[in-house]
Protein backbone atom coordinates (compact mmCIF):
# COMPACT_ATOMS: atom_id res chain seq x y z
CA MET A 1 24.09 -17.34 2.13
CA ARG A 2 26.23 -15.12 4.38
CA GLY A 3 27.69 -13.40 1.32
CA THR A 4 24.24 -12.58 -0.02
CA LEU A 5 23.18 -11.15 3.32
CA VAL A 6 26.26 -8.96 3.48
CA ALA A 7 25.55 -7.79 -0.06
CA ALA A 8 21.97 -7.03 0.93
CA LEU A 9 23.11 -4.94 3.87
CA ALA A 10 25.62 -3.05 1.75
CA ALA A 11 22.92 -2.32 -0.81
CA ALA A 12 20.60 -0.96 1.88
CA LEU A 13 23.21 1.27 3.44
CA SER A 14 24.04 2.85 0.08
CA ALA A 15 20.48 3.04 -1.23
CA LEU A 16 19.37 6.32 -2.82
CA SER A 17 15.95 5.60 -4.30
CA LEU A 18 12.61 6.45 -2.61
CA ALA A 19 11.82 7.20 1.00
CA ALA A 20 9.70 4.79 2.99
CA SER A 21 7.17 7.51 3.61
CA GLY A 22 6.53 7.86 -0.12
CA GLN A 23 8.56 11.02 -0.68
CA SER A 24 10.63 11.45 -3.82
CA ALA A 25 14.40 11.45 -3.46
CA PRO A 26 15.73 15.02 -3.83
CA GLU A 27 18.77 16.41 -5.54
CA THR A 28 21.41 15.97 -2.88
CA GLY A 29 22.88 19.47 -3.33
CA PRO A 30 25.08 20.43 -0.40
CA LEU A 31 24.27 17.21 1.41
CA HIS A 32 26.33 15.15 -1.07
CA ASP A 33 26.30 11.50 0.06
CA GLN A 34 25.16 12.11 3.63
CA VAL A 35 21.48 11.42 2.99
CA PHE A 36 20.28 7.90 3.74
CA VAL A 37 17.11 7.14 1.77
CA PRO A 38 15.60 3.71 2.41
CA ALA A 39 14.81 1.64 -0.67
CA LEU A 40 11.32 0.23 -0.18
CA ASP A 41 10.11 -0.08 -3.76
CA ALA A 42 11.56 -3.56 -4.12
CA ILE A 43 8.28 -4.90 -2.71
CA CYS A 44 5.03 -3.54 -4.13
CA GLY A 45 6.76 -0.41 -5.40
CA ARG A 46 6.14 2.10 -8.13
CA GLY A 47 6.53 2.03 -11.90
CA GLN A 48 7.61 -1.28 -13.38
CA LEU A 49 7.82 -2.80 -9.90
CA MET A 50 4.24 -1.86 -8.99
CA SER A 51 2.97 -5.43 -8.83
CA ALA A 52 6.04 -7.02 -7.25
CA GLY A 53 5.13 -8.22 -3.80
CA CYS A 54 1.69 -6.59 -3.66
CA GLU A 55 -0.03 -9.92 -3.18
CA ALA A 56 2.03 -10.51 -0.04
CA ILE A 57 0.97 -7.11 1.33
CA ARG A 58 -2.72 -7.78 0.57
CA ALA A 59 -2.48 -11.21 2.18
CA ARG A 60 -1.40 -9.77 5.53
CA PRO A 61 -4.18 -10.34 8.10
CA ILE A 62 -5.84 -7.21 9.50
CA LEU A 63 -5.51 -6.71 13.25
CA ASP A 64 -7.99 -5.14 15.66
CA ALA A 65 -5.96 -2.02 16.33
CA SER A 66 -8.28 -0.91 19.14
CA ALA A 67 -7.56 -4.00 21.23
CA GLY A 68 -4.51 -4.75 23.33
CA PRO A 69 -1.69 -5.25 22.76
CA TRP A 70 -2.10 -3.88 19.22
CA ARG A 71 -3.41 -0.49 20.36
CA ALA A 72 0.14 0.31 21.48
CA ILE A 73 0.95 0.56 17.75
CA GLY A 74 -0.29 3.45 15.65
CA ARG A 75 0.36 5.90 12.84
CA VAL A 76 2.90 8.70 13.01
CA ASN A 77 1.28 11.42 10.86
CA PHE A 78 2.69 14.54 9.27
CA ALA A 79 0.88 16.98 7.00
CA SER A 80 1.82 20.33 5.47
CA ARG A 81 0.81 22.27 2.38
CA ASP A 82 3.21 20.34 0.17
CA LEU A 83 3.63 17.02 1.95
CA ARG A 84 1.46 14.37 3.60
CA GLN A 85 2.94 11.16 4.92
CA HIS A 86 2.61 8.52 7.57
CA CYS A 87 4.82 5.94 9.16
CA THR A 88 4.25 3.37 11.90
CA GLY A 89 5.17 3.87 15.55
CA THR A 90 5.01 1.88 18.78
CA LEU A 91 4.52 2.95 22.37
CA VAL A 92 7.55 1.80 24.38
CA GLY A 93 6.83 3.92 27.45
CA ASP A 94 4.16 6.16 28.93
CA ARG A 95 5.14 9.05 26.64
CA LEU A 96 7.57 7.40 24.20
CA VAL A 97 6.91 6.21 20.66
CA LEU A 98 9.52 4.28 18.69
CA THR A 99 9.68 4.89 14.94
CA ALA A 100 12.21 5.22 12.10
CA ALA A 101 14.32 8.37 12.04
CA HIS A 102 13.95 8.80 8.27
CA CYS A 103 10.20 9.33 8.87
CA LEU A 104 11.12 12.63 10.54
CA TYR A 105 13.25 13.89 7.67
CA ASN A 106 11.67 15.96 4.88
CA TYR A 107 13.63 14.81 1.84
CA PRO A 108 12.28 17.40 -0.65
CA ARG A 109 13.19 20.25 1.71
CA LYS A 110 16.31 18.53 3.07
CA SER A 111 15.37 19.34 6.64
CA TRP A 112 14.10 17.66 9.78
CA ILE A 113 10.36 17.90 10.44
CA PRO A 114 9.50 19.98 13.53
CA ALA A 115 8.09 17.94 16.40
CA ALA A 116 5.06 20.22 16.57
CA SER A 117 4.06 19.07 13.05
CA LEU A 118 3.82 15.42 14.11
CA ARG A 119 0.89 13.52 15.61
CA PHE A 120 0.70 9.97 16.94
CA ALA A 121 -2.60 8.15 16.41
CA ALA A 122 -2.53 5.11 18.70
CA GLY A 123 -4.72 2.16 17.71
CA TYR A 124 -5.64 3.85 14.44
CA GLN A 125 -8.22 1.99 12.35
CA ARG A 126 -10.30 3.23 9.43
CA GLY A 127 -10.29 6.89 10.39
CA GLN A 128 -10.59 6.40 14.14
CA ALA A 129 -7.88 6.26 16.80
CA VAL A 130 -7.96 5.09 20.39
CA ALA A 131 -5.90 8.18 21.25
CA GLN A 132 -4.36 10.97 19.20
CA VAL A 133 -1.55 12.98 20.75
CA GLU A 134 0.78 15.79 19.76
CA VAL A 135 4.53 15.21 19.65
CA VAL A 136 6.51 17.70 21.73
CA GLY A 137 10.01 16.53 20.87
CA TYR A 138 12.08 13.63 19.64
CA ARG A 139 15.41 11.94 20.29
CA LEU A 140 17.71 10.61 17.60
CA ALA A 141 20.69 8.26 17.46
CA PRO A 142 24.12 9.62 18.39
CA GLY A 143 25.52 11.46 15.38
CA GLN A 144 22.13 12.63 14.17
CA ASP A 145 21.38 16.33 14.58
CA ALA A 146 17.82 17.60 14.12
CA GLY A 147 19.23 21.11 13.93
CA SER A 148 21.19 20.31 10.78
CA ARG A 149 20.07 19.62 7.22
CA ASP A 150 21.68 16.20 7.11
CA PHE A 151 20.64 12.62 7.70
CA HIS A 152 23.76 10.69 8.64
CA GLY A 153 24.42 6.99 8.77
CA GLY A 154 22.19 4.10 7.80
CA VAL A 155 20.05 1.35 9.32
CA VAL A 156 21.81 1.31 12.68
CA GLN A 157 20.96 5.00 13.16
CA ASP A 158 17.49 4.81 11.61
CA TRP A 159 15.49 5.00 14.83
CA ALA A 160 13.83 7.81 16.77
CA LEU A 161 11.94 8.23 20.02
CA LEU A 162 8.98 10.61 19.92
CA GLU A 163 8.08 12.38 23.16
CA LEU A 164 4.31 12.76 23.52
CA ALA A 165 2.36 15.58 25.15
CA ALA A 166 0.36 13.10 27.25
CA PRO A 167 1.27 9.78 28.98
CA ILE A 168 -1.18 7.67 26.99
CA GLY A 169 0.91 4.55 27.57
CA ARG A 170 -0.36 4.42 31.15
CA ASP A 171 -3.86 3.61 29.92
CA LEU A 172 -3.18 1.93 26.59
CA GLY A 173 -0.13 -0.02 27.65
CA PHE A 174 3.17 -0.21 25.84
CA LEU A 175 5.33 -2.97 24.41
CA PRO A 176 8.51 -4.11 26.17
CA LEU A 177 11.84 -4.41 24.39
CA ALA A 178 13.55 -7.75 23.81
CA ASP A 179 17.04 -8.61 22.61
CA PRO A 180 16.31 -10.86 19.58
CA LEU A 181 18.03 -14.21 19.27
CA GLY A 182 19.46 -15.50 16.02
CA GLY A 183 16.82 -17.56 14.23
CA GLU A 184 14.01 -16.44 16.54
CA PRO A 185 10.71 -16.04 14.63
CA VAL A 186 9.69 -12.42 14.12
CA ARG A 187 6.63 -10.63 12.72
CA LEU A 188 5.99 -7.06 11.58
CA ALA A 189 2.88 -4.97 12.31
CA GLY A 190 2.44 -1.81 10.27
CA TYR A 191 0.31 0.53 8.20
CA ALA A 192 1.45 -0.38 4.69
CA ALA A 193 0.71 2.31 2.10
CA LEU A 194 -1.35 -0.18 0.10
CA ARG A 195 -3.71 -0.44 3.10
CA PRO A 196 -2.96 2.74 5.07
CA HIS A 197 -6.08 2.75 7.26
CA VAL A 198 -5.67 -0.68 8.83
CA LEU A 199 -2.96 -2.30 10.93
CA SER A 200 -1.84 -5.51 9.25
CA LEU A 201 0.57 -8.25 10.26
CA ALA A 202 3.42 -9.57 8.12
CA GLU A 203 3.84 -13.21 9.13
CA ASP A 204 6.38 -14.07 6.44
CA CYS A 205 9.39 -12.59 8.24
CA GLY A 206 11.09 -15.88 9.05
CA GLY A 207 13.78 -15.85 11.74
CA TRP A 208 15.90 -12.95 12.93
CA VAL A 209 19.33 -12.92 11.24
CA PRO A 210 21.86 -10.80 13.14
CA GLN A 211 24.42 -8.98 11.03
CA ALA A 212 28.11 -8.33 11.67
CA THR A 213 27.04 -5.52 13.95
CA ARG A 214 24.52 -6.85 16.46
CA ASP A 215 22.65 -3.54 16.21
CA VAL A 216 21.22 -4.55 12.80
CA GLY A 217 19.11 -7.56 11.94
CA LEU A 218 17.61 -9.01 8.80
CA ALA A 219 14.31 -10.80 8.08
CA THR A 220 12.05 -11.52 5.08
CA CYS A 221 8.93 -9.51 5.97
CA SER A 222 6.67 -8.27 3.18
CA ALA A 223 6.86 -4.51 3.73
CA MET A 224 6.56 -1.23 1.84
CA PRO A 225 6.23 2.55 2.38
CA GLY A 226 4.07 3.25 5.42
CA ASP A 227 5.62 0.32 7.30
CA SER A 228 8.69 2.41 8.11
CA GLY A 229 9.16 2.49 11.87
CA ALA A 230 7.03 -0.62 12.35
CA PRO A 231 8.07 -2.95 15.16
CA LEU A 232 9.68 -6.30 14.48
CA LEU A 233 7.94 -8.43 17.09
CA VAL A 234 8.86 -11.56 18.99
CA GLU A 235 6.48 -13.52 21.19
CA ARG A 236 7.72 -15.16 24.35
CA GLN A 237 5.37 -16.94 26.73
CA GLY A 238 2.44 -15.17 25.13
CA VAL A 239 3.92 -11.68 25.51
CA LEU A 240 4.69 -9.54 22.45
CA SER A 241 7.96 -7.61 22.60
CA VAL A 242 9.79 -5.27 20.22
CA ALA A 243 12.93 -6.82 18.76
CA GLY A 244 13.71 -4.02 16.32
CA VAL A 245 12.37 -1.17 14.22
CA PHE A 246 11.89 -1.64 10.47
CA SER A 247 14.08 0.56 8.28
CA THR A 248 14.49 -0.58 4.68
CA ILE A 249 14.54 -3.32 2.03
CA ALA A 250 17.64 -4.76 0.39
CA ILE A 251 18.01 -7.18 -2.53
CA ASP A 252 20.55 -9.98 -2.53
CA ALA A 253 22.53 -11.25 -5.51
CA ASP A 254 19.71 -13.66 -6.43
CA GLY A 255 17.09 -10.90 -6.51
CA ARG A 256 15.48 -11.88 -3.21
CA PRO A 257 14.27 -9.02 -0.98
CA PHE A 258 15.19 -8.79 2.67
CA SER A 259 13.97 -6.35 5.31
CA LEU A 260 16.50 -4.69 7.59
CA ALA A 261 15.87 -3.31 11.06
CA ALA A 262 17.72 -1.54 13.83
CA ALA A 263 17.84 -3.99 16.73
CA THR A 264 16.82 -3.01 20.25
CA SER A 265 20.48 -2.93 21.26
CA ALA A 266 20.78 0.21 19.11
CA PHE A 267 18.22 2.21 21.12
CA SER A 268 17.42 0.45 24.41
CA ALA A 269 19.76 2.74 26.39
CA ALA A 270 18.07 5.80 24.86
CA VAL A 271 14.65 4.43 25.83
CA ARG A 272 15.76 4.03 29.44
CA ALA A 273 17.37 7.47 29.47
CA ALA A 274 14.11 9.00 28.20
CA GLY A 275 12.17 7.49 31.09
CA GLY A 276 10.84 4.44 29.29
CA GLN A 277 11.25 0.83 30.29
């Protein structure tokens, strides 16, 4: 089993297929092999894989996104003349939203999306949001540079902290971080592209499987484009906490899909430095 998990991780880190936000993979040009593009079409994807895993996505229960604690989760939206996309994000502080870094990278243009072009819709549900706020900046993992045209690294660097224009977390609440334990049950809450206007819960994630680097974990959540940046959640004494941020899908040698996430150990220091918990 360990060999298949290692193979799955290797496949994810070298994946060059389709972005989680639904963008098409570009010609790499001067970027060569520095672009990390998550492979999320293994479950309910496009083309010949269109039906694979779709039933699992449709079976996810819909959450009341306007109610706590779910209203701390929302959509990260970006729209321009040639591109519209969304990912999932989670309030982890008064002004901080955790999401996936690849959601902020415009693959067709090979450039990082300006913060001013991003909006966070907290508690979004069927066209309505509990709060909608502009993004004024964002922080990336060490080694990432929003001023460059490159996306470096892989899952361990696939996280970002959005800085909001207003401290909506004071009223809506935010989710604490938790260091996940091996085998601890996890769930994923996101805005899957198949059902982009509702927050749904993947309950088929199984237990958290730490990888060789403790900053990356593996689960079996049903996930697809739109879920990028979604929190991997653990529940302890009735309190939901963020154990990681969803990045990509990998396939093991037996054809089984696994979901990979950056663990909280990868970004907890950055959250504290940014004034979060």
